[in-house]
PDB file of N, CA and C in Angstrom:
ATOM      1  N   UNK A   1       1.691 -16.805  36.454  1.00  0.00           N
ATOM      2  CA  UNK A   1       1.376 -15.937  35.555  1.00  0.00           C
ATOM      3  C   UNK A   1       2.649 -16.042  34.620  1.00  0.00           C
ATOM      4  N   UNK A   2       2.386 -15.464  33.322  1.00  0.00           N
ATOM      5  CA  UNK A   2       3.064 -15.585  32.135  1.00  0.00           C
ATOM      6  C   UNK A   2       3.393 -14.544  31.835  1.00  0.00           C
ATOM      7  N   UNK A   3       3.134 -13.560  31.824  1.00  0.00           N
ATOM      8  CA  UNK A   3       3.960 -12.514  31.619  1.00  0.00           C
ATOM      9  C   UNK A   3       3.121 -11.655  30.135  1.00  0.00           C
ATOM     10  N   UNK A   4       3.995 -10.637  29.544  1.00  0.00           N
ATOM     11  CA  UNK A   4       3.432  -9.969  28.594  1.00  0.00           C
ATOM     12  C   UNK A   4       3.674 -11.223  27.482  1.00  0.00           C
ATOM     13  N   UNK A   5       2.746 -11.288  26.684  1.00  0.00           N
ATOM     14  CA  UNK A   5       2.779 -12.395  25.616  1.00  0.00           C
ATOM     15  C   UNK A   5       2.295 -11.404  24.053  1.00  0.00           C
ATOM     16  N   UNK A   6       3.186 -12.291  23.135  1.00  0.00           N
ATOM     17  CA  UNK A   6       2.863 -11.944  21.628  1.00  0.00           C
ATOM     18  C   UNK A   6       2.450 -12.979  20.933  1.00  0.00           C
ATOM     19  N   UNK A   7       1.213 -12.811  19.993  1.00  0.00           N
ATOM     20  CA  UNK A   7       0.943 -13.885  19.369  1.00  0.00           C
ATOM     21  C   UNK A   7       1.387 -13.484  17.811  1.00  0.00           C
ATOM     22  N   UNK A   8       2.158 -14.191  17.173  1.00  0.00           N
ATOM     23  CA  UNK A   8       2.418 -14.252  16.155  1.00  0.00           C
ATOM     24  C   UNK A   8       1.658 -14.933  14.948  1.00  0.00           C
ATOM     25  N   UNK A   9       0.277 -14.561  14.146  1.00  0.00           N
ATOM     26  CA  UNK A   9      -0.538 -15.027  13.497  1.00  0.00           C
ATOM     27  C   UNK A   9      -1.475 -15.022  14.190  1.00  0.00           C
ATOM     28  N   UNK A  10      -2.028 -13.958  15.045  1.00  0.00           N
ATOM     29  CA  UNK A  10      -3.173 -13.949  15.882  1.00  0.00           C
ATOM     30  C   UNK A  10      -4.563 -13.858  15.229  1.00  0.00           C
ATOM     31  N   UNK A  11      -4.790 -13.662  13.871  1.00  0.00           N
ATOM     32  CA  UNK A  11      -6.187 -14.006  13.410  1.00  0.00           C
ATOM     33  C   UNK A  11      -6.337 -15.348  12.845  1.00  0.00           C
ATOM     34  N   UNK A  12      -5.150 -16.227  12.876  1.00  0.00           N
ATOM     35  CA  UNK A  12      -5.705 -17.608  12.445  1.00  0.00           C
ATOM     36  C   UNK A  12      -6.670 -18.322  13.726  1.00  0.00           C
ATOM     37  N   UNK A  13      -7.225 -19.474  13.412  1.00  0.00           N
ATOM     38  CA  UNK A  13      -7.738 -19.988  14.486  1.00  0.00           C
ATOM     39  C   UNK A  13      -7.198 -20.255  15.567  1.00  0.00           C
ATOM     40  N   UNK A  14      -5.650 -21.162  15.804  1.00  0.00           N
ATOM     41  CA  UNK A  14      -5.029 -21.082  16.624  1.00  0.00           C
ATOM     42  C   UNK A  14      -5.048 -19.979  17.841  1.00  0.00           C
ATOM     43  N   UNK A  15      -4.239 -18.989  16.753  1.00  0.00           N
ATOM     44  CA  UNK A  15      -4.045 -17.628  16.838  1.00  0.00           C
ATOM     45  C   UNK A  15      -4.722 -16.882  18.135  1.00  0.00           C
ATOM     46  N   UNK A  16      -6.141 -17.004  17.145  1.00  0.00           N
ATOM     47  CA  UNK A  16      -7.315 -16.164  17.891  1.00  0.00           C
ATOM     48  C   UNK A  16      -7.956 -17.144  18.936  1.00  0.00           C
ATOM     49  N   UNK A  17      -7.798 -18.314  19.210  1.00  0.00           N
ATOM     50  CA  UNK A  17      -7.985 -19.185  20.381  1.00  0.00           C
ATOM     51  C   UNK A  17      -7.028 -18.607  21.697  1.00  0.00           C
ATOM     52  N   UNK A  18      -5.776 -18.447  21.159  1.00  0.00           N
ATOM     53  CA  UNK A  18      -4.888 -18.200  22.542  1.00  0.00           C
ATOM     54  C   UNK A  18      -4.843 -16.913  22.738  1.00  0.00           C
ATOM     55  N   UNK A  19      -5.040 -15.643  21.684  1.00  0.00           N
ATOM     56  CA  UNK A  19      -5.872 -14.646  22.305  1.00  0.00           C
ATOM     57  C   UNK A  19      -6.705 -14.328  23.303  1.00  0.00           C
ATOM     58  N   UNK A  20      -7.914 -15.085  23.043  1.00  0.00           N
ATOM     59  CA  UNK A  20      -9.579 -15.032  23.816  1.00  0.00           C
ATOM     60  C   UNK A  20      -8.937 -15.619  24.977  1.00  0.00           C
ATOM     61  N   UNK A  21      -8.362 -16.963  25.291  1.00  0.00           N
ATOM     62  CA  UNK A  21      -8.031 -17.344  26.507  1.00  0.00           C
ATOM     63  C   UNK A  21      -7.146 -16.269  27.287  1.00  0.00           C
ATOM     64  N   UNK A  22      -6.125 -16.097  26.739  1.00  0.00           N
ATOM     65  CA  UNK A  22      -4.937 -15.180  27.598  1.00  0.00           C
ATOM     66  C   UNK A  22      -5.663 -14.059  28.267  1.00  0.00           C
ATOM     67  N   UNK A  23      -6.583 -13.634  27.244  1.00  0.00           N
ATOM     68  CA  UNK A  23      -7.306 -12.044  27.582  1.00  0.00           C
ATOM     69  C   UNK A  23      -8.144 -12.431  28.809  1.00  0.00           C
ATOM     70  N   UNK A  24      -9.120 -13.383  28.397  1.00  0.00           N
ATOM     71  CA  UNK A  24      -9.847 -14.129  29.579  1.00  0.00           C
ATOM     72  C   UNK A  24      -8.993 -14.487  31.182  1.00  0.00           C
ATOM     73  N   UNK A  25      -8.098 -14.732  30.997  1.00  0.00           N
ATOM     74  CA  UNK A  25      -7.073 -15.070  32.248  1.00  0.00           C
ATOM     75  C   UNK A  25      -6.507 -14.098  32.688  1.00  0.00           C
ATOM     76  N   UNK A  26      -6.169 -12.624  32.000  1.00  0.00           N
ATOM     77  CA  UNK A  26      -5.948 -11.861  32.483  1.00  0.00           C
ATOM     78  C   UNK A  26      -4.237 -11.291  32.010  1.00  0.00           C
ATOM     79  N   UNK A  27      -4.021 -12.070  30.961  1.00  0.00           N
ATOM     80  CA  UNK A  27      -2.315 -12.162  30.754  1.00  0.00           C
ATOM     81  C   UNK A  27      -2.403 -10.856  29.337  1.00  0.00           C
ATOM     82  N   UNK A  28      -1.581 -10.128  29.893  1.00  0.00           N
ATOM     83  CA  UNK A  28      -1.105  -9.138  29.335  1.00  0.00           C
ATOM     84  C   UNK A  28      -0.610  -9.377  27.590  1.00  0.00           C
ATOM     85  N   UNK A  29      -1.704  -9.133  26.575  1.00  0.00           N
ATOM     86  CA  UNK A  29      -1.157  -9.490  25.204  1.00  0.00           C
ATOM     87  C   UNK A  29      -0.533  -8.182  24.802  1.00  0.00           C
ATOM     88  N   UNK A  30       0.982  -8.018  24.577  1.00  0.00           N
ATOM     89  CA  UNK A  30       1.085  -6.920  24.365  1.00  0.00           C
ATOM     90  C   UNK A  30       1.125  -6.592  22.557  1.00  0.00           C
ATOM     91  N   UNK A  31       1.046  -7.609  21.590  1.00  0.00           N
ATOM     92  CA  UNK A  31       0.601  -7.590  20.170  1.00  0.00           C
ATOM     93  C   UNK A  31       0.411  -9.167  19.562  1.00  0.00           C
ATOM     94  N   UNK A  32      -0.432  -8.482  18.337  1.00  0.00           N
ATOM     95  CA  UNK A  32      -0.777  -9.845  17.809  1.00  0.00           C
ATOM     96  C   UNK A  32      -0.573  -9.538  16.521  1.00  0.00           C
ATOM     97  N   UNK A  33      -0.487 -10.289  15.825  1.00  0.00           N
ATOM     98  CA  UNK A  33      -0.098 -10.038  14.367  1.00  0.00           C
ATOM     99  C   UNK A  33      -0.830 -10.741  13.272  1.00  0.00           C
ATOM    100  N   UNK A  34      -1.047 -10.139  12.172  1.00  0.00           N
ATOM    101  CA  UNK A  34      -1.726 -10.838  10.934  1.00  0.00           C
ATOM    102  C   UNK A  34      -0.522 -10.670   9.659  1.00  0.00           C
ATOM    103  N   UNK A  35      -0.992 -11.478   8.846  1.00  0.00           N
ATOM    104  CA  UNK A  35       0.035 -11.722   7.283  1.00  0.00           C
ATOM    105  C   UNK A  35      -0.625 -11.004   6.554  1.00  0.00           C
ATOM    106  N   UNK A  36      -1.675 -11.373   5.805  1.00  0.00           N
ATOM    107  CA  UNK A  36      -2.192 -10.796   4.910  1.00  0.00           C
ATOM    108  C   UNK A  36      -3.931  -9.932   5.051  1.00  0.00           C
ATOM    109  N   UNK A  37      -4.274 -10.677   5.763  1.00  0.00           N
ATOM    110  CA  UNK A  37      -5.597 -10.167   5.933  1.00  0.00           C
ATOM    111  C   UNK A  37      -5.842  -9.019   7.420  1.00  0.00           C
ATOM    112  N   UNK A  38      -6.081  -8.116   7.101  1.00  0.00           N
ATOM    113  CA  UNK A  38      -6.053  -7.058   7.957  1.00  0.00           C
ATOM    114  C   UNK A  38      -7.358  -6.803   9.132  1.00  0.00           C
ATOM    115  N   UNK A  39      -6.942  -6.821  10.759  1.00  0.00           N
ATOM    116  CA  UNK A  39      -7.844  -7.240  11.336  1.00  0.00           C
ATOM    117  C   UNK A  39      -7.534  -5.986  12.165  1.00  0.00           C
ATOM    118  N   UNK A  40      -8.587  -5.202  13.107  1.00  0.00           N
ATOM    119  CA  UNK A  40      -8.573  -4.442  13.907  1.00  0.00           C
ATOM    120  C   UNK A  40      -7.674  -4.444  14.987  1.00  0.00           C
ATOM    121  N   UNK A  41      -6.489  -3.802  15.340  1.00  0.00           N
ATOM    122  CA  UNK A  41      -5.635  -3.665  16.511  1.00  0.00           C
ATOM    123  C   UNK A  41      -5.029  -4.779  16.371  1.00  0.00           C
ATOM    124  N   UNK A  42      -4.789  -5.382  15.203  1.00  0.00           N
ATOM    125  CA  UNK A  42      -3.410  -6.326  14.674  1.00  0.00           C
ATOM    126  C   UNK A  42      -2.633  -5.447  14.163  1.00  0.00           C
ATOM    127  N   UNK A  43      -1.231  -6.135  14.230  1.00  0.00           N
ATOM    128  CA  UNK A  43      -0.194  -5.276  13.370  1.00  0.00           C
ATOM    129  C   UNK A  43       0.240  -6.279  12.301  1.00  0.00           C
ATOM    130  N   UNK A  44       0.682  -5.760  11.270  1.00  0.00           N
ATOM    131  CA  UNK A  44       0.968  -6.635   9.883  1.00  0.00           C
ATOM    132  C   UNK A  44       2.390  -7.182  10.134  1.00  0.00           C
ATOM    133  N   UNK A  45       2.571  -8.472   9.837  1.00  0.00           N
ATOM    134  CA  UNK A  45       3.646  -8.948   9.875  1.00  0.00           C
ATOM    135  C   UNK A  45       4.108  -9.889   9.195  1.00  0.00           C
ATOM    136  N   UNK A  46       5.524 -10.260   8.102  1.00  0.00           N
ATOM    137  CA  UNK A  46       5.779 -10.675   7.219  1.00  0.00           C
ATOM    138  C   UNK A  46       6.676 -11.856   7.940  1.00  0.00           C
ATOM    139  N   UNK A  47       6.784 -12.906   8.629  1.00  0.00           N
ATOM    140  CA  UNK A  47       7.598 -13.635   9.147  1.00  0.00           C
ATOM    141  C   UNK A  47       8.718 -13.677   8.398  1.00  0.00           C
ATOM    142  N   UNK A  48       8.671 -13.663   7.131  1.00  0.00           N
ATOM    143  CA  UNK A  48      10.106 -13.971   6.311  1.00  0.00           C
ATOM    144  C   UNK A  48      11.111 -12.494   6.382  1.00  0.00           C
ATOM    145  N   UNK A  49      10.372 -11.564   6.687  1.00  0.00           N
ATOM    146  CA  UNK A  49      11.448 -10.376   6.857  1.00  0.00           C
ATOM    147  C   UNK A  49      11.969 -10.373   8.188  1.00  0.00           C
ATOM    148  N   UNK A  50      13.237 -10.905   8.276  1.00  0.00           N
ATOM    149  CA  UNK A  50      14.017 -10.612   9.916  1.00  0.00           C
ATOM    150  C   UNK A  50      14.139  -9.495   9.991  1.00  0.00           C
ATOM    151  N   UNK A  51      14.369  -8.405   9.814  1.00  0.00           N
ATOM    152  CA  UNK A  51      14.235  -7.346  10.232  1.00  0.00           C
ATOM    153  C   UNK A  51      13.084  -6.780  10.641  1.00  0.00           C
ATOM    154  N   UNK A  52      12.346  -6.803  10.442  1.00  0.00           N
ATOM    155  CA  UNK A  52      10.951  -6.567  10.842  1.00  0.00           C
ATOM    156  C   UNK A  52      10.261  -7.386  12.128  1.00  0.00           C
ATOM    157  N   UNK A  53      10.554  -8.796  11.816  1.00  0.00           N
ATOM    158  CA  UNK A  53      10.326  -9.197  13.067  1.00  0.00           C
ATOM    159  C   UNK A  53      11.344  -8.656  14.338  1.00  0.00           C
ATOM    160  N   UNK A  54      12.724  -8.751  14.213  1.00  0.00           N
ATOM    161  CA  UNK A  54      13.300  -7.955  15.074  1.00  0.00           C
ATOM    162  C   UNK A  54      12.897  -6.917  15.868  1.00  0.00           C
ATOM    163  N   UNK A  55      12.758  -5.907  14.968  1.00  0.00           N
ATOM    164  CA  UNK A  55      11.911  -4.432  15.349  1.00  0.00           C
ATOM    165  C   UNK A  55      10.809  -4.805  16.040  1.00  0.00           C
ATOM    166  N   UNK A  56      10.098  -5.756  15.420  1.00  0.00           N
ATOM    167  CA  UNK A  56       8.669  -5.838  16.457  1.00  0.00           C
ATOM    168  C   UNK A  56       8.811  -6.604  17.782  1.00  0.00           C
ATOM    169  N   UNK A  57       9.479  -7.546  17.853  1.00  0.00           N
ATOM    170  CA  UNK A  57      10.206  -7.926  19.528  1.00  0.00           C
ATOM    171  C   UNK A  57      10.378  -6.686  20.258  1.00  0.00           C
ATOM    172  N   UNK A  58      11.602  -6.091  19.726  1.00  0.00           N
ATOM    173  CA  UNK A  58      12.202  -4.995  20.263  1.00  0.00           C
ATOM    174  C   UNK A  58      11.502  -3.986  20.836  1.00  0.00           C
ATOM    175  N   UNK A  59      10.616  -3.568  20.065  1.00  0.00           N
ATOM    176  CA  UNK A  59       9.658  -2.646  20.431  1.00  0.00           C
ATOM    177  C   UNK A  59       8.903  -3.129  21.543  1.00  0.00           C
ATOM    178  N   UNK A  60       8.340  -4.281  21.375  1.00  0.00           N
ATOM    179  CA  UNK A  60       7.268  -4.706  21.909  1.00  0.00           C
ATOM    180  C   UNK A  60       7.512  -5.545  23.421  1.00  0.00           C
ATOM    181  N   UNK A  61       9.059  -6.041  23.365  1.00  0.00           N
ATOM    182  CA  UNK A  61       9.344  -6.730  24.736  1.00  0.00           C
ATOM    183  C   UNK A  61       8.558  -7.779  25.188  1.00  0.00           C
ATOM    184  N   UNK A  62       7.816  -8.810  24.651  1.00  0.00           N
ATOM    185  CA  UNK A  62       7.219  -9.733  25.257  1.00  0.00           C
ATOM    186  C   UNK A  62       8.052 -10.658  25.898  1.00  0.00           C
ATOM    187  N   UNK A  63       7.572 -11.603  27.010  1.00  0.00           N
ATOM    188  CA  UNK A  63       8.407 -12.152  27.740  1.00  0.00           C
ATOM    189  C   UNK A  63       7.753 -13.533  27.010  1.00  0.00           C
ATOM    190  N   UNK A  64       6.819 -13.739  26.078  1.00  0.00           N
ATOM    191  CA  UNK A  64       6.698 -14.986  25.324  1.00  0.00           C
ATOM    192  C   UNK A  64       5.799 -14.877  24.449  1.00  0.00           C
ATOM    193  N   UNK A  65       6.388 -15.334  23.283  1.00  0.00           N
ATOM    194  CA  UNK A  65       6.053 -15.338  21.973  1.00  0.00           C
ATOM    195  C   UNK A  65       5.151 -16.800  21.460  1.00  0.00           C
ATOM    196  N   UNK A  66       3.994 -16.677  21.025  1.00  0.00           N
ATOM    197  CA  UNK A  66       3.383 -17.754  20.245  1.00  0.00           C
ATOM    198  C   UNK A  66       3.237 -17.562  18.985  1.00  0.00           C
ATOM    199  N   UNK A  67       3.646 -18.575  18.716  1.00  0.00           N
ATOM    200  CA  UNK A  67       4.243 -18.724  16.962  1.00  0.00           C
ATOM    201  C   UNK A  67       2.977 -19.765  16.256  1.00  0.00           C
ATOM    202  N   UNK A  68       2.003 -19.636  16.172  1.00  0.00           N
ATOM    203  CA  UNK A  68       0.946 -20.869  15.494  1.00  0.00           C
ATOM    204  C   UNK A  68       0.755 -20.469  13.790  1.00  0.00           C
ATOM    205  N   UNK A  69       1.441 -18.851  13.429  1.00  0.00           N
ATOM    206  CA  UNK A  69       1.735 -18.571  12.397  1.00  0.00           C
ATOM    207  C   UNK A  69       1.979 -19.545  11.131  1.00  0.00           C
ATOM    208  N   UNK A  70       1.883 -20.414  10.167  1.00  0.00           N
ATOM    209  CA  UNK A  70       2.176 -20.991   9.325  1.00  0.00           C
ATOM    210  C   UNK A  70       1.434 -21.119   8.032  1.00  0.00           C
ATOM    211  N   UNK A  71       1.668 -21.514   7.055  1.00  0.00           N
ATOM    212  CA  UNK A  71       1.136 -22.069   5.888  1.00  0.00           C
ATOM    213  C   UNK A  71       0.542 -23.672   6.083  1.00  0.00           C
ATOM    214  N   UNK A  72      -0.529 -23.452   6.252  1.00  0.00           N
ATOM    215  CA  UNK A  72      -1.251 -25.017   7.145  1.00  0.00           C
ATOM    216  C   UNK A  72      -1.706 -25.791   5.539  1.00  0.00           C
ATOM    217  N   UNK A  73      -1.627 -25.487   4.445  1.00  0.00           N
ATOM    218  CA  UNK A  73      -2.639 -26.318   3.555  1.00  0.00           C
ATOM    219  C   UNK A  73      -1.474 -27.135   3.069  1.00  0.00           C
ATOM    220  N   UNK A  74      -1.567 -27.994   3.137  1.00  0.00           N
ATOM    221  CA  UNK A  74      -0.572 -29.234   2.934  1.00  0.00           C
ATOM    222  C   UNK A  74      -0.604 -29.480   1.382  1.00  0.00           C
ATOM    223  N   UNK A  75      -1.813 -28.956   0.771  1.00  0.00           N
ATOM    224  CA  UNK A  75      -1.842 -29.618  -0.613  1.00  0.00           C
ATOM    225  C   UNK A  75      -0.789 -28.458  -1.334  1.00  0.00           C
ATOM    226  N   UNK A  76      -0.948 -27.022  -0.791  1.00  0.00           N
ATOM    227  CA  UNK A  76      -0.418 -26.008  -1.368  1.00  0.00           C
ATOM    228  C   UNK A  76       0.957 -26.240  -0.926  1.00  0.00           C
ATOM    229  N   UNK A  77       1.256 -26.506   0.175  1.00  0.00           N
ATOM    230  CA  UNK A  77       2.546 -26.455   0.606  1.00  0.00           C
ATOM    231  C   UNK A  77       3.514 -27.623  -0.545  1.00  0.00           C
ATOM    232  N   UNK A  78       2.642 -28.843  -0.774  1.00  0.00           N
ATOM    233  CA  UNK A  78       3.684 -29.942  -1.923  1.00  0.00           C
ATOM    234  C   UNK A  78       3.604 -29.230  -2.910  1.00  0.00           C
ATOM    235  N   UNK A  79       2.991 -28.740  -3.373  1.00  0.00           N
ATOM    236  CA  UNK A  79       3.003 -27.574  -5.010  1.00  0.00           C
ATOM    237  C   UNK A  79       3.656 -26.700  -4.709  1.00  0.00           C
ATOM    238  N   UNK A  80       4.114 -25.751  -3.502  1.00  0.00           N
ATOM    239  CA  UNK A  80       5.207 -25.208  -3.582  1.00  0.00           C
ATOM    240  C   UNK A  80       5.721 -24.989  -2.326  1.00  0.00           C
ATOM    241  N   UNK A  81       6.880 -26.100  -2.231  1.00  0.00           N
ATOM    242  CA  UNK A  81       7.656 -26.212  -1.197  1.00  0.00           C
ATOM    243  C   UNK A  81       8.824 -25.339  -1.079  1.00  0.00           C
ATOM    244  N   UNK A  82       9.227 -24.243  -1.926  1.00  0.00           N
ATOM    245  CA  UNK A  82      10.128 -23.273  -1.976  1.00  0.00           C
ATOM    246  C   UNK A  82       9.514 -21.969  -1.099  1.00  0.00           C
ATOM    247  N   UNK A  83       8.285 -21.755  -1.584  1.00  0.00           N
ATOM    248  CA  UNK A  83       7.453 -20.885  -0.717  1.00  0.00           C
ATOM    249  C   UNK A  83       7.054 -21.122   0.754  1.00  0.00           C
ATOM    250  N   UNK A  84       6.612 -22.670   0.873  1.00  0.00           N
ATOM    251  CA  UNK A  84       6.497 -23.290   1.734  1.00  0.00           C
ATOM    252  C   UNK A  84       7.708 -23.096   3.089  1.00  0.00           C
ATOM    253  N   UNK A  85       9.095 -23.329   2.316  1.00  0.00           N
ATOM    254  CA  UNK A  85       9.700 -23.296   3.486  1.00  0.00           C
ATOM    255  C   UNK A  85      10.492 -21.623   3.637  1.00  0.00           C
ATOM    256  N   UNK A  86      10.412 -20.850   3.127  1.00  0.00           N
ATOM    257  CA  UNK A  86      10.271 -19.401   3.325  1.00  0.00           C
ATOM    258  C   UNK A  86       9.252 -19.415   4.520  1.00  0.00           C
ATOM    259  N   UNK A  87       8.330 -19.522   4.613  1.00  0.00           N
ATOM    260  CA  UNK A  87       7.394 -19.345   5.821  1.00  0.00           C
ATOM    261  C   UNK A  87       7.421 -20.081   6.594  1.00  0.00           C
ATOM    262  N   UNK A  88       7.085 -21.697   6.633  1.00  0.00           N
ATOM    263  CA  UNK A  88       7.220 -22.258   7.698  1.00  0.00           C
ATOM    264  C   UNK A  88       8.560 -22.523   8.330  1.00  0.00           C
ATOM    265  N   UNK A  89       9.416 -22.603   7.949  1.00  0.00           N
ATOM    266  CA  UNK A  89      11.242 -23.080   8.197  1.00  0.00           C
ATOM    267  C   UNK A  89      11.681 -21.481   8.859  1.00  0.00           C
ATOM    268  N   UNK A  90      12.154 -20.570   7.520  1.00  0.00           N
ATOM    269  CA  UNK A  90      12.925 -19.726   7.695  1.00  0.00           C
ATOM    270  C   UNK A  90      12.284 -18.911   8.550  1.00  0.00           C
ATOM    271  N   UNK A  91      10.836 -18.465   8.203  1.00  0.00           N
ATOM    272  CA  UNK A  91      10.319 -17.227   9.258  1.00  0.00           C
ATOM    273  C   UNK A  91       9.997 -17.552  10.546  1.00  0.00           C
ATOM    274  N   UNK A  92       9.748 -18.821  10.806  1.00  0.00           N
ATOM    275  CA  UNK A  92       9.600 -19.684  12.247  1.00  0.00           C
ATOM    276  C   UNK A  92      11.009 -19.223  12.457  1.00  0.00           C
ATOM    277  N   UNK A  93      12.200 -19.592  11.820  1.00  0.00           N
ATOM    278  CA  UNK A  93      13.551 -19.425  12.643  1.00  0.00           C
ATOM    279  C   UNK A  93      13.807 -17.828  12.896  1.00  0.00           C
ATOM    280  N   UNK A  94      13.155 -16.878  12.108  1.00  0.00           N
ATOM    281  CA  UNK A  94      13.537 -15.618  12.121  1.00  0.00           C
ATOM    282  C   UNK A  94      12.967 -15.203  13.918  1.00  0.00           C
ATOM    283  N   UNK A  95      11.960 -15.515  13.778  1.00  0.00           N
ATOM    284  CA  UNK A  95      11.239 -15.206  15.182  1.00  0.00           C
ATOM    285  C   UNK A  95      11.729 -16.234  16.244  1.00  0.00           C
ATOM    286  N   UNK A  96      12.504 -17.292  15.906  1.00  0.00           N
ATOM    287  CA  UNK A  96      12.952 -17.787  16.920  1.00  0.00           C
ATOM    288  C   UNK A  96      14.535 -17.144  17.293  1.00  0.00           C
ATOM    289  N   UNK A  97      15.120 -16.386  16.379  1.00  0.00           N
ATOM    290  CA  UNK A  97      16.280 -15.748  16.775  1.00  0.00           C
ATOM    291  C   UNK A  97      15.819 -14.374  17.370  1.00  0.00           C
ATOM    292  N   UNK A  98      14.481 -13.687  16.956  1.00  0.00           N
ATOM    293  CA  UNK A  98      14.635 -12.436  17.872  1.00  0.00           C
ATOM    294  C   UNK A  98      14.171 -12.645  19.064  1.00  0.00           C
ATOM    295  N   UNK A  99      13.563 -13.868  19.248  1.00  0.00           N
ATOM    296  CA  UNK A  99      13.211 -13.997  20.822  1.00  0.00           C
ATOM    297  C   UNK A  99      14.530 -14.538  21.453  1.00  0.00           C
ATOM    298  N   UNK A 100      15.624 -15.012  20.798  1.00  0.00           N
ATOM    299  CA  UNK A 100      16.569 -15.153  21.401  1.00  0.00           C
ATOM    300  C   UNK A 100      17.428 -13.893  21.980  1.00  0.00           C
ATOM    301  N   UNK A 101      17.148 -13.155  20.974  1.00  0.00           N
ATOM    302  CA  UNK A 101      18.169 -11.872  21.152  1.00  0.00           C
ATOM    303  C   UNK A 101      17.357 -11.146  22.179  1.00  0.00           C
ATOM    304  N   UNK A 102      16.116 -11.154  22.365  1.00  0.00           N
ATOM    305  CA  UNK A 102      15.530 -10.338  23.613  1.00  0.00           C
ATOM    306  C   UNK A 102      15.029 -11.147  24.699  1.00  0.00           C
ATOM    307  N   UNK A 103      15.497 -12.624  24.908  1.00  0.00           N
ATOM    308  CA  UNK A 103      15.250 -13.196  26.053  1.00  0.00           C
ATOM    309  C   UNK A 103      14.179 -13.862  26.119  1.00  0.00           C
ATOM    310  N   UNK A 104      13.329 -13.797  25.218  1.00  0.00           N
ATOM    311  CA  UNK A 104      11.755 -14.131  25.408  1.00  0.00           C
ATOM    312  C   UNK A 104      11.547 -15.579  24.946  1.00  0.00           C
ATOM    313  N   UNK A 105      10.686 -16.444  25.708  1.00  0.00           N
ATOM    314  CA  UNK A 105      10.581 -17.838  25.524  1.00  0.00           C
ATOM    315  C   UNK A 105       9.595 -17.769  24.150  1.00  0.00           C
ATOM    316  N   UNK A 106       9.290 -18.943  23.283  1.00  0.00           N
ATOM    317  CA  UNK A 106       9.064 -19.199  22.045  1.00  0.00           C
ATOM    318  C   UNK A 106       7.994 -19.906  22.261  1.00  0.00           C
ATOM    319  N   UNK A 107       6.768 -20.179  22.073  1.00  0.00           N
ATOM    320  CA  UNK A 107       5.972 -21.264  21.771  1.00  0.00           C
ATOM    321  C   UNK A 107       5.799 -21.694  20.490  1.00  0.00           C
ATOM    322  N   UNK A 108       6.125 -22.634  19.937  1.00  0.00           N
ATOM    323  CA  UNK A 108       5.703 -23.195  18.739  1.00  0.00           C
ATOM    324  C   UNK A 108       4.781 -24.000  18.417  1.00  0.00           C
ATOM    325  N   UNK A 109       4.048 -24.041  17.368  1.00  0.00           N
ATOM    326  CA  UNK A 109       2.757 -24.711  17.017  1.00  0.00           C
ATOM    327  C   UNK A 109       3.127 -25.575  15.804  1.00  0.00           C
ATOM    328  N   UNK A 110       3.000 -26.649  15.476  1.00  0.00           N
ATOM    329  CA  UNK A 110       3.397 -27.396  14.181  1.00  0.00           C
ATOM    330  C   UNK A 110       2.194 -28.228  13.393  1.00  0.00           C
TER     331      UNK A 110
END
């Protein structure tokens, strides 16, 4: 049994597949997030905001945090490297640090 799970980026293709699978297995999903496009039951989160990431993880105390969230559009990323770094690198580091602080395991998708 995995324990309590949080999916950061739950409205994306991979994140939504994880949610459906874990729910079917009976794994308790404590929270799932979206960034820009609101979806019922999902919590808004900008991974670039370290304080909000930390607060969310401290509130929900998941044992596992899956992070399929990122900007996956290669052409856009190549044209906007600084923005891409803030989301894909710095945002992911914010989640990793918050996971470390609460003792959660992190699953990162690249």
